[in-house]
Amino acid sequence: MNKRPLHVRRGYLTCIGLMLAVVIVWSSGWLDDTQWLNWLAGQQVNARTYAQEHLPTSIAIAMLVYVLVTASGFPGSTALSIVSATILPFWASLLTVSFSSTIGATLAMLMSRYLLRDMVHSWFGDRFETFEQAWQRDGLWYLASMRLAPYVPFFSINLLMGLTPVKTRSFFLVSQIAMFPGTVVNLYLGSRLPPLRELLDSGIPSILTWDLTLAFTLLAITPLMIRYFIKRK
């Protein structure tokens, strides 16, 4: 019987360890749920007030944070998108997330190409040959299909594309267009969410309006529709 590679076993152990740590901290009573949620609600109110009074500065800060998160590959960009839509006006969050995600992805691709090329190639090993064949066959359409597919980690796409001869401008434009539908859905959900203070005061059942239900429905079915379209293509 073949043993799993060492890095795979380490990945499983890391995930199990993180889950155990979360369970222990959550059940130990160290965190006061009410106090923690009240603090978050207060921070959300402060952030929304600041954004109303200093919108250009707020957009600049949000873009900087989003670019850093996307370029570094740190998980949580989707959650960050939703949070930004609860603070900024919808048009501002759409401008911020749409361009920041593409800028961060392009920076990650360039780092892979010029700084981390050998390391990235060794990470993916034999799987890179499969990717390279698909890239040579489909070109930019393959990049677009991966961007549209929600089950493909975006950071992996950025790193892999850095090993190809794709032009930076082409990578930016295709990524910008292909990621836009998912960005709109995430931001629409965030814009429909009520403030945390209202959630604490009224509870979840009272906030389930038709537009919020529609937002959750779009979030659920959009990946399925995109996957169906890609398979037919």
Protein backbone atom coordinates (compact mmCIF):
# COMPACT_ATOMS: atom_id res chain seq x y z
CA MET A 1 0.00 0.00 0.00
CA ASN A 2 1.43 3.38 -1.10
CA LYS A 3 1.94 5.94 1.57
CA ARG A 4 0.79 9.48 1.05
CA PRO A 5 3.56 12.01 0.27
CA LEU A 6 5.06 13.72 3.29
CA HIS A 7 3.74 17.16 2.32
CA VAL A 8 0.21 15.76 2.00
CA ARG A 9 0.38 14.16 5.45
CA ARG A 10 1.70 17.41 6.88
CA GLY A 11 -1.19 19.27 5.26
CA TYR A 12 -3.72 16.93 6.87
CA LEU A 13 -2.03 17.23 10.26
CA THR A 14 -1.96 21.03 9.99
CA CYS A 15 -5.69 21.18 9.16
CA ILE A 16 -6.54 18.83 12.03
CA GLY A 17 -4.41 20.86 14.42
CA LEU A 18 -6.07 24.12 13.41
CA MET A 19 -9.53 22.60 13.80
CA LEU A 20 -8.67 21.30 17.25
CA ALA A 21 -7.28 24.68 18.28
CA VAL A 22 -10.47 26.44 17.15
CA VAL A 23 -12.66 23.94 19.01
CA ILE A 24 -10.60 24.22 22.20
CA VAL A 25 -10.59 28.03 22.18
CA TRP A 26 -14.28 28.25 21.29
CA SER A 27 -15.39 25.79 23.98
CA SER A 28 -13.04 26.97 26.71
CA GLY A 29 -14.98 30.14 27.49
CA TRP A 30 -12.00 32.35 26.75
CA LEU A 31 -14.09 34.14 24.14
CA ASP A 32 -17.27 35.88 25.16
CA ASP A 33 -19.51 35.53 22.09
CA THR A 34 -21.68 38.53 22.94
CA GLN A 35 -18.74 40.77 23.74
CA TRP A 36 -16.90 39.73 20.60
CA LEU A 37 -19.93 40.35 18.34
CA ASN A 38 -20.64 43.69 20.01
CA TRP A 39 -17.06 44.73 19.37
CA LEU A 40 -17.33 43.72 15.71
CA ALA A 41 -20.63 45.60 15.40
CA GLY A 42 -19.00 48.71 16.85
CA GLN A 43 -16.06 48.44 14.46
CA GLN A 44 -18.43 48.09 11.52
CA VAL A 45 -20.30 51.25 12.55
CA ASN A 46 -17.02 53.15 12.89
CA ALA A 47 -15.79 51.91 9.51
CA ARG A 48 -19.03 52.88 7.75
CA THR A 49 -19.00 56.32 9.33
CA TYR A 50 -15.39 56.87 8.28
CA ALA A 51 -16.19 55.68 4.74
CA GLN A 52 -19.07 58.16 4.47
CA GLU A 53 -16.88 61.05 5.59
CA HIS A 54 -13.65 60.04 3.81
CA LEU A 55 -14.71 57.92 0.84
CA PRO A 56 -11.62 58.41 -1.40
CA THR A 57 -9.29 57.55 1.50
CA SER A 58 -11.40 54.53 2.41
CA ILE A 59 -11.27 53.26 -1.17
CA ALA A 60 -7.50 53.70 -1.26
CA ILE A 61 -7.05 51.79 2.03
CA ALA A 62 -9.38 49.02 0.89
CA MET A 63 -7.55 48.68 -2.43
CA LEU A 64 -4.17 48.49 -0.72
CA VAL A 65 -5.35 45.79 1.69
CA TYR A 66 -7.01 43.79 -1.08
CA VAL A 67 -3.98 43.97 -3.37
CA LEU A 68 -1.70 42.75 -0.57
CA VAL A 69 -4.04 39.89 0.35
CA THR A 70 -4.48 38.78 -3.26
CA ALA A 71 -0.81 39.07 -4.21
CA SER A 72 0.35 37.16 -1.12
CA GLY A 73 -2.12 34.32 -1.63
CA PHE A 74 -3.49 34.72 1.86
CA PRO A 75 -6.92 33.00 2.03
CA GLY A 76 -10.01 35.06 2.65
CA SER A 77 -10.34 37.29 -0.42
CA THR A 78 -14.00 36.29 -0.89
CA ALA A 79 -14.84 37.14 2.72
CA LEU A 80 -12.92 40.40 2.34
CA SER A 81 -15.03 41.23 -0.72
CA ILE A 82 -18.26 40.67 1.18
CA VAL A 83 -17.02 42.73 4.13
CA SER A 84 -16.04 45.62 1.86
CA ALA A 85 -19.58 45.69 0.45
CA THR A 86 -20.99 46.04 3.97
CA ILE A 87 -18.89 49.16 4.53
CA LEU A 88 -18.48 50.91 1.18
CA PRO A 89 -21.24 51.88 -1.26
CA PHE A 90 -21.84 49.16 -3.84
CA TRP A 91 -20.25 51.06 -6.74
CA ALA A 92 -17.20 51.86 -4.62
CA SER A 93 -16.77 48.26 -3.44
CA LEU A 94 -17.19 47.04 -7.04
CA LEU A 95 -14.49 49.44 -8.25
CA THR A 96 -12.20 48.51 -5.36
CA VAL A 97 -12.51 44.74 -5.45
CA SER A 98 -12.66 44.34 -9.22
CA PHE A 99 -9.46 46.23 -9.96
CA SER A 100 -7.60 45.32 -6.77
CA SER A 101 -8.11 41.59 -7.29
CA THR A 102 -6.72 41.84 -10.83
CA ILE A 103 -3.78 43.99 -9.77
CA GLY A 104 -2.94 41.58 -6.95
CA ALA A 105 -3.24 38.59 -9.28
CA THR A 106 -0.95 40.25 -11.83
CA LEU A 107 1.65 41.00 -9.15
CA ALA A 108 1.54 37.37 -8.01
CA MET A 109 1.98 36.20 -11.61
CA LEU A 110 5.00 38.49 -12.09
CA MET A 111 6.57 37.33 -8.82
CA SER A 112 6.16 33.74 -9.99
CA ARG A 113 7.77 34.57 -13.33
CA TYR A 114 10.74 36.60 -12.13
CA LEU A 115 11.37 35.61 -8.49
CA LEU A 116 9.85 32.20 -7.74
CA ARG A 117 9.99 30.39 -11.08
CA ASP A 118 12.03 27.34 -10.03
CA MET A 119 10.23 27.02 -6.71
CA VAL A 120 6.78 27.17 -8.32
CA HIS A 121 7.79 24.62 -10.95
CA SER A 122 8.93 22.23 -8.22
CA TRP A 123 5.69 22.75 -6.26
CA PHE A 124 3.48 21.57 -9.09
CA GLY A 125 5.84 18.90 -10.42
CA ASP A 126 4.26 16.60 -13.02
CA ARG A 127 0.96 18.46 -12.84
CA PHE A 128 2.58 21.39 -14.63
CA GLU A 129 2.91 19.29 -17.80
CA THR A 130 -0.87 18.81 -17.89
CA PHE A 131 -1.39 22.52 -17.37
CA GLU A 132 1.16 23.42 -20.05
CA GLN A 133 -0.54 21.17 -22.60
CA ALA A 134 -3.92 22.76 -21.88
CA TRP A 135 -2.38 26.23 -22.11
CA GLN A 136 -0.76 25.49 -25.46
CA ARG A 137 -4.05 24.07 -26.77
CA ASP A 138 -6.49 26.75 -25.53
CA GLY A 139 -4.36 29.77 -24.67
CA LEU A 140 -6.20 32.70 -23.09
CA TRP A 141 -9.50 30.82 -23.14
CA TYR A 142 -7.96 28.33 -20.71
CA LEU A 143 -7.03 31.21 -18.41
CA ALA A 144 -10.58 32.59 -18.66
CA SER A 145 -12.16 29.19 -17.95
CA MET A 146 -10.01 28.74 -14.84
CA ARG A 147 -10.94 32.22 -13.63
CA LEU A 148 -14.62 31.43 -14.10
CA ALA A 149 -14.35 28.07 -12.34
CA PRO A 150 -14.86 28.70 -8.59
CA TYR A 151 -13.23 25.38 -7.65
CA VAL A 152 -9.80 26.43 -8.99
CA PRO A 153 -7.76 28.39 -6.39
CA PHE A 154 -6.95 31.77 -7.90
CA PHE A 155 -3.51 31.93 -6.34
CA SER A 156 -2.54 28.65 -8.01
CA ILE A 157 -3.66 30.12 -11.33
CA ASN A 158 -1.50 33.20 -10.77
CA LEU A 159 1.57 31.11 -9.99
CA LEU A 160 1.08 28.73 -12.90
CA MET A 161 0.51 31.53 -15.39
CA GLY A 162 3.82 33.03 -14.33
CA LEU A 163 5.53 30.01 -15.92
CA THR A 164 3.92 30.69 -19.30
CA PRO A 165 4.85 33.32 -21.92
CA VAL A 166 1.50 35.10 -21.47
CA LYS A 167 1.75 38.86 -21.88
CA THR A 168 1.11 40.88 -18.73
CA ARG A 169 -1.51 43.03 -20.46
CA SER A 170 -3.39 39.97 -21.75
CA PHE A 171 -3.28 38.33 -18.34
CA PHE A 172 -4.66 41.49 -16.71
CA LEU A 173 -7.50 42.01 -19.21
CA VAL A 174 -8.66 38.38 -19.30
CA SER A 175 -8.51 38.11 -15.50
CA GLN A 176 -10.40 41.39 -15.09
CA ILE A 177 -13.23 40.26 -17.36
CA ALA A 178 -13.44 36.63 -16.21
CA MET A 179 -13.44 37.41 -12.48
CA PHE A 180 -16.06 40.15 -12.80
CA PRO A 181 -19.21 37.94 -12.60
CA GLY A 182 -18.12 36.27 -9.36
CA THR A 183 -17.11 39.64 -7.93
CA VAL A 184 -20.55 41.11 -8.64
CA VAL A 185 -22.31 38.18 -6.94
CA ASN A 186 -20.13 38.37 -3.82
CA LEU A 187 -20.55 42.13 -3.53
CA TYR A 188 -24.28 41.95 -4.10
CA LEU A 189 -24.51 39.52 -1.18
CA GLY A 190 -22.43 41.83 1.00
CA SER A 191 -24.51 44.87 0.08
CA ARG A 192 -27.72 43.04 1.06
CA LEU A 193 -26.46 41.98 4.48
CA PRO A 194 -27.86 44.10 7.34
CA PRO A 195 -25.53 45.74 9.89
CA LEU A 196 -24.26 43.47 12.64
CA ARG A 197 -25.99 45.66 15.22
CA GLU A 198 -29.35 44.91 13.61
CA LEU A 199 -28.50 41.22 13.55
CA LEU A 200 -27.69 41.26 17.26
CA ASP A 201 -30.87 43.15 18.16
CA SER A 202 -33.38 41.36 15.91
CA GLY A 203 -31.89 37.93 15.28
CA ILE A 204 -31.39 36.07 12.02
CA PRO A 205 -35.06 35.23 11.15
CA SER A 206 -36.09 38.87 11.06
CA ILE A 207 -33.49 39.84 8.43
CA LEU A 208 -34.27 37.14 5.85
CA THR A 209 -35.80 39.45 3.26
CA TRP A 210 -36.40 38.53 -0.36
CA ASP A 211 -33.34 40.41 -1.64
CA LEU A 212 -31.05 38.71 0.87
CA THR A 213 -32.54 35.34 -0.08
CA LEU A 214 -31.89 36.19 -3.73
CA ALA A 215 -28.28 37.09 -2.91
CA PHE A 216 -27.66 33.75 -1.19
CA THR A 217 -29.35 31.93 -4.08
CA LEU A 218 -27.12 33.63 -6.63
CA LEU A 219 -24.06 32.81 -4.54
CA ALA A 220 -25.08 29.14 -4.55
CA ILE A 221 -26.13 28.65 -8.18
CA THR A 222 -23.61 30.87 -9.98
CA PRO A 223 -20.69 28.40 -9.59
CA LEU A 224 -22.94 25.58 -10.87
CA MET A 225 -24.00 27.61 -13.91
CA ILE A 226 -20.41 28.57 -14.71
CA ARG A 227 -19.26 24.97 -14.37
CA TYR A 228 -22.06 23.82 -16.71
CA PHE A 229 -21.08 26.45 -19.27
CA ILE A 230 -17.39 25.51 -19.13
CA LYS A 231 -18.14 21.81 -19.60
CA ARG A 232 -20.31 22.52 -22.65
CA LYS A 233 -17.59 24.74 -24.09
